[in-house]
Amino acid sequence: MGRNARRGRKQPERSGPDPEAVFAREQLQRERCKTKRWFETESEARAIALMHAAKWGEDQVPYRCELCDGWHLASRKPMPGR
């Protein structure tokens, strides 16, 4: 028995993330992942990003996806003054 329980006090509730909210957020991330182009390697994603930059002027960077263990491209906004 804990010290507080012996004296008739309630144990403080532990705070933490709501499991339902965590599950909903992960589900949304999985759905978004399914709609993105998937690349097996960083170099493949980087090559496509360079082609997009040359053809359409899009500035994209590859990033590793923790959900699918692949690579996706993220748009990068131009820096002010560049």
N, C-alpha and C. Protein backbone atom coordinates (compact mmCIF):
# COMPACT_ATOMS: atom_id res chain seq x y z
N MET A 1 0.84 -1.17 0.00
CA MET A 1 0.00 0.00 0.00
C MET A 1 0.89 1.24 0.00
N GLY A 2 0.52 2.22 -0.79
CA GLY A 2 1.31 3.45 -0.85
C GLY A 2 1.08 4.32 0.37
N ARG A 3 1.95 5.25 0.56
CA ARG A 3 1.87 6.14 1.72
C ARG A 3 0.57 6.93 1.74
N ASN A 4 0.16 7.46 0.58
CA ASN A 4 -1.07 8.25 0.51
C ASN A 4 -2.31 7.40 0.78
N ALA A 5 -2.29 6.15 0.33
CA ALA A 5 -3.44 5.28 0.51
C ALA A 5 -3.66 4.96 1.99
N ARG A 6 -2.60 4.84 2.73
CA ARG A 6 -2.74 4.55 4.15
C ARG A 6 -3.39 5.69 4.90
N ARG A 7 -3.20 6.89 4.44
CA ARG A 7 -3.77 8.05 5.12
C ARG A 7 -5.13 8.43 4.56
N GLY A 8 -5.67 7.62 3.68
CA GLY A 8 -6.98 7.89 3.13
C GLY A 8 -6.99 8.88 1.98
N ARG A 9 -5.84 9.20 1.44
CA ARG A 9 -5.77 10.12 0.30
C ARG A 9 -5.79 9.35 -1.01
N LYS A 10 -6.36 9.97 -2.00
CA LYS A 10 -6.35 9.36 -3.32
C LYS A 10 -4.99 9.56 -3.97
N GLN A 11 -4.61 8.56 -4.71
CA GLN A 11 -3.37 8.67 -5.48
C GLN A 11 -3.62 9.66 -6.62
N PRO A 12 -2.65 10.51 -6.93
CA PRO A 12 -2.85 11.44 -8.05
C PRO A 12 -2.97 10.67 -9.36
N GLU A 13 -3.87 11.14 -10.20
CA GLU A 13 -4.05 10.50 -11.50
C GLU A 13 -2.85 10.80 -12.38
N ARG A 14 -2.43 9.80 -13.10
CA ARG A 14 -1.30 9.99 -14.00
C ARG A 14 -1.81 10.62 -15.28
N SER A 15 -1.11 11.65 -15.69
CA SER A 15 -1.51 12.29 -16.94
C SER A 15 -0.66 11.72 -18.06
N GLY A 16 -1.22 11.70 -19.22
CA GLY A 16 -0.53 11.18 -20.39
C GLY A 16 -1.43 11.35 -21.59
N PRO A 17 -0.94 10.99 -22.73
CA PRO A 17 -1.75 11.15 -23.93
C PRO A 17 -2.98 10.23 -23.90
N ASP A 18 -4.05 10.75 -24.41
CA ASP A 18 -5.29 9.99 -24.52
C ASP A 18 -5.08 8.89 -25.57
N PRO A 19 -5.22 7.62 -25.20
CA PRO A 19 -4.97 6.54 -26.17
C PRO A 19 -5.83 6.64 -27.43
N GLU A 20 -7.07 7.08 -27.28
CA GLU A 20 -7.93 7.21 -28.46
C GLU A 20 -7.43 8.31 -29.38
N ALA A 21 -6.94 9.41 -28.81
CA ALA A 21 -6.41 10.51 -29.63
C ALA A 21 -5.14 10.07 -30.34
N VAL A 22 -4.29 9.32 -29.65
CA VAL A 22 -3.06 8.82 -30.27
C VAL A 22 -3.40 7.90 -31.44
N PHE A 23 -4.35 6.98 -31.22
CA PHE A 23 -4.75 6.06 -32.28
C PHE A 23 -5.33 6.82 -33.48
N ALA A 24 -6.17 7.80 -33.23
CA ALA A 24 -6.78 8.58 -34.31
C ALA A 24 -5.72 9.33 -35.11
N ARG A 25 -4.74 9.91 -34.41
CA ARG A 25 -3.66 10.64 -35.09
C ARG A 25 -2.83 9.69 -35.95
N GLU A 26 -2.51 8.51 -35.43
CA GLU A 26 -1.73 7.54 -36.20
C GLU A 26 -2.51 7.04 -37.41
N GLN A 27 -3.81 6.84 -37.25
CA GLN A 27 -4.65 6.40 -38.36
C GLN A 27 -4.66 7.46 -39.46
N LEU A 28 -4.77 8.73 -39.09
CA LEU A 28 -4.76 9.82 -40.07
C LEU A 28 -3.41 9.86 -40.80
N GLN A 29 -2.33 9.67 -40.07
CA GLN A 29 -1.01 9.67 -40.69
C GLN A 29 -0.88 8.51 -41.68
N ARG A 30 -1.41 7.35 -41.34
CA ARG A 30 -1.37 6.20 -42.25
C ARG A 30 -2.14 6.49 -43.53
N GLU A 31 -3.31 7.12 -43.39
CA GLU A 31 -4.12 7.45 -44.56
C GLU A 31 -3.39 8.46 -45.45
N ARG A 32 -2.75 9.44 -44.86
CA ARG A 32 -1.98 10.42 -45.64
C ARG A 32 -0.82 9.75 -46.35
N CYS A 33 -0.17 8.82 -45.68
CA CYS A 33 0.98 8.11 -46.25
C CYS A 33 0.56 7.36 -47.52
N LYS A 34 -0.62 6.76 -47.49
CA LYS A 34 -1.10 5.99 -48.63
C LYS A 34 -1.28 6.84 -49.88
N THR A 35 -1.53 8.13 -49.72
CA THR A 35 -1.78 8.99 -50.88
C THR A 35 -0.52 9.60 -51.47
N LYS A 36 0.61 9.41 -50.80
CA LYS A 36 1.86 10.02 -51.27
C LYS A 36 2.66 9.05 -52.13
N ARG A 37 3.50 9.61 -52.98
CA ARG A 37 4.40 8.77 -53.77
C ARG A 37 5.42 8.14 -52.83
N TRP A 38 5.73 6.88 -53.08
CA TRP A 38 6.64 6.13 -52.23
C TRP A 38 7.91 5.83 -53.00
N PHE A 39 9.06 6.02 -52.36
CA PHE A 39 10.35 5.71 -52.96
C PHE A 39 11.09 4.76 -52.04
N GLU A 40 11.77 3.81 -52.63
CA GLU A 40 12.48 2.81 -51.84
C GLU A 40 13.74 3.37 -51.18
N THR A 41 14.42 4.27 -51.88
CA THR A 41 15.67 4.81 -51.36
C THR A 41 15.65 6.34 -51.35
N GLU A 42 16.51 6.91 -50.53
CA GLU A 42 16.65 8.36 -50.49
C GLU A 42 17.17 8.88 -51.82
N SER A 43 18.11 8.16 -52.43
CA SER A 43 18.66 8.64 -53.70
C SER A 43 17.61 8.66 -54.81
N GLU A 44 16.70 7.70 -54.81
CA GLU A 44 15.60 7.69 -55.78
C GLU A 44 14.70 8.90 -55.57
N ALA A 45 14.34 9.16 -54.33
CA ALA A 45 13.49 10.31 -54.02
C ALA A 45 14.19 11.62 -54.37
N ARG A 46 15.48 11.70 -54.08
CA ARG A 46 16.25 12.91 -54.38
C ARG A 46 16.33 13.15 -55.90
N ALA A 47 16.49 12.07 -56.67
CA ALA A 47 16.55 12.20 -58.14
C ALA A 47 15.23 12.75 -58.69
N ILE A 48 14.11 12.25 -58.17
CA ILE A 48 12.80 12.74 -58.62
C ILE A 48 12.64 14.20 -58.21
N ALA A 49 13.08 14.55 -57.01
CA ALA A 49 12.98 15.95 -56.55
C ALA A 49 13.78 16.87 -57.48
N LEU A 50 14.95 16.43 -57.90
CA LEU A 50 15.76 17.25 -58.82
C LEU A 50 15.09 17.40 -60.19
N MET A 51 14.46 16.33 -60.66
CA MET A 51 13.74 16.41 -61.94
C MET A 51 12.56 17.38 -61.83
N HIS A 52 11.85 17.32 -60.73
CA HIS A 52 10.73 18.25 -60.52
C HIS A 52 11.22 19.69 -60.48
N ALA A 53 12.36 19.91 -59.83
CA ALA A 53 12.91 21.26 -59.72
C ALA A 53 13.28 21.79 -61.10
N ALA A 54 13.89 20.94 -61.93
CA ALA A 54 14.30 21.37 -63.27
C ALA A 54 13.10 21.60 -64.18
N LYS A 55 12.09 20.76 -64.06
CA LYS A 55 10.95 20.83 -64.98
C LYS A 55 9.91 21.86 -64.56
N TRP A 56 9.58 21.90 -63.27
CA TRP A 56 8.48 22.76 -62.81
C TRP A 56 8.90 23.82 -61.80
N GLY A 57 10.15 23.82 -61.42
CA GLY A 57 10.61 24.80 -60.44
C GLY A 57 10.17 24.49 -59.02
N GLU A 58 9.75 23.27 -58.76
CA GLU A 58 9.33 22.88 -57.41
C GLU A 58 10.55 22.55 -56.57
N ASP A 59 10.56 23.03 -55.35
CA ASP A 59 11.64 22.72 -54.43
C ASP A 59 11.13 21.69 -53.44
N GLN A 60 11.59 20.45 -53.58
CA GLN A 60 11.15 19.37 -52.71
C GLN A 60 12.35 18.69 -52.07
N VAL A 61 12.13 18.17 -50.88
CA VAL A 61 13.18 17.44 -50.16
C VAL A 61 12.65 16.07 -49.74
N PRO A 62 13.49 15.05 -49.85
CA PRO A 62 13.06 13.71 -49.40
C PRO A 62 13.10 13.60 -47.88
N TYR A 63 12.20 12.79 -47.35
CA TYR A 63 12.21 12.50 -45.91
C TYR A 63 11.81 11.05 -45.69
N ARG A 64 12.36 10.48 -44.65
CA ARG A 64 12.09 9.08 -44.29
C ARG A 64 10.74 9.01 -43.57
N CYS A 65 9.89 8.10 -44.00
CA CYS A 65 8.58 7.91 -43.38
C CYS A 65 8.67 6.77 -42.37
N GLU A 66 8.33 7.06 -41.13
CA GLU A 66 8.38 6.05 -40.08
C GLU A 66 7.26 5.03 -40.20
N LEU A 67 6.19 5.38 -40.91
CA LEU A 67 5.05 4.47 -41.02
C LEU A 67 5.29 3.37 -42.05
N CYS A 68 5.80 3.75 -43.23
CA CYS A 68 5.96 2.76 -44.30
C CYS A 68 7.41 2.37 -44.52
N ASP A 69 8.33 3.00 -43.80
CA ASP A 69 9.76 2.72 -43.90
C ASP A 69 10.30 3.03 -45.30
N GLY A 70 9.62 3.90 -46.01
CA GLY A 70 10.06 4.34 -47.33
C GLY A 70 10.40 5.81 -47.29
N TRP A 71 10.46 6.42 -48.46
CA TRP A 71 10.78 7.84 -48.60
C TRP A 71 9.66 8.55 -49.34
N HIS A 72 9.38 9.77 -48.93
CA HIS A 72 8.41 10.64 -49.60
C HIS A 72 9.09 11.97 -49.88
N LEU A 73 8.40 12.82 -50.63
CA LEU A 73 8.91 14.16 -50.91
C LEU A 73 8.04 15.19 -50.19
N ALA A 74 8.69 16.16 -49.59
CA ALA A 74 7.99 17.27 -48.93
C ALA A 74 8.31 18.54 -49.68
N SER A 75 7.31 19.38 -49.86
CA SER A 75 7.53 20.67 -50.49
C SER A 75 8.25 21.58 -49.50
N ARG A 76 9.18 22.33 -50.02
CA ARG A 76 9.92 23.27 -49.17
C ARG A 76 9.63 24.66 -49.70
N LYS A 77 9.17 25.51 -48.83
CA LYS A 77 8.84 26.87 -49.22
C LYS A 77 10.13 27.64 -49.43
N PRO A 78 10.19 28.52 -50.46
CA PRO A 78 11.39 29.30 -50.68
C PRO A 78 11.64 30.26 -49.52
N MET A 79 12.90 30.46 -49.22
CA MET A 79 13.30 31.37 -48.16
C MET A 79 13.08 32.81 -48.62
N PRO A 80 12.60 33.70 -47.76
CA PRO A 80 12.43 35.11 -48.16
C PRO A 80 13.76 35.70 -48.61
N GLY A 81 13.72 36.45 -49.70
CA GLY A 81 14.92 37.10 -50.20
C GLY A 81 15.73 36.24 -51.13
N ARG A 82 15.28 35.04 -51.44
CA ARG A 82 16.02 34.17 -52.35
C ARG A 82 15.34 34.10 -53.69
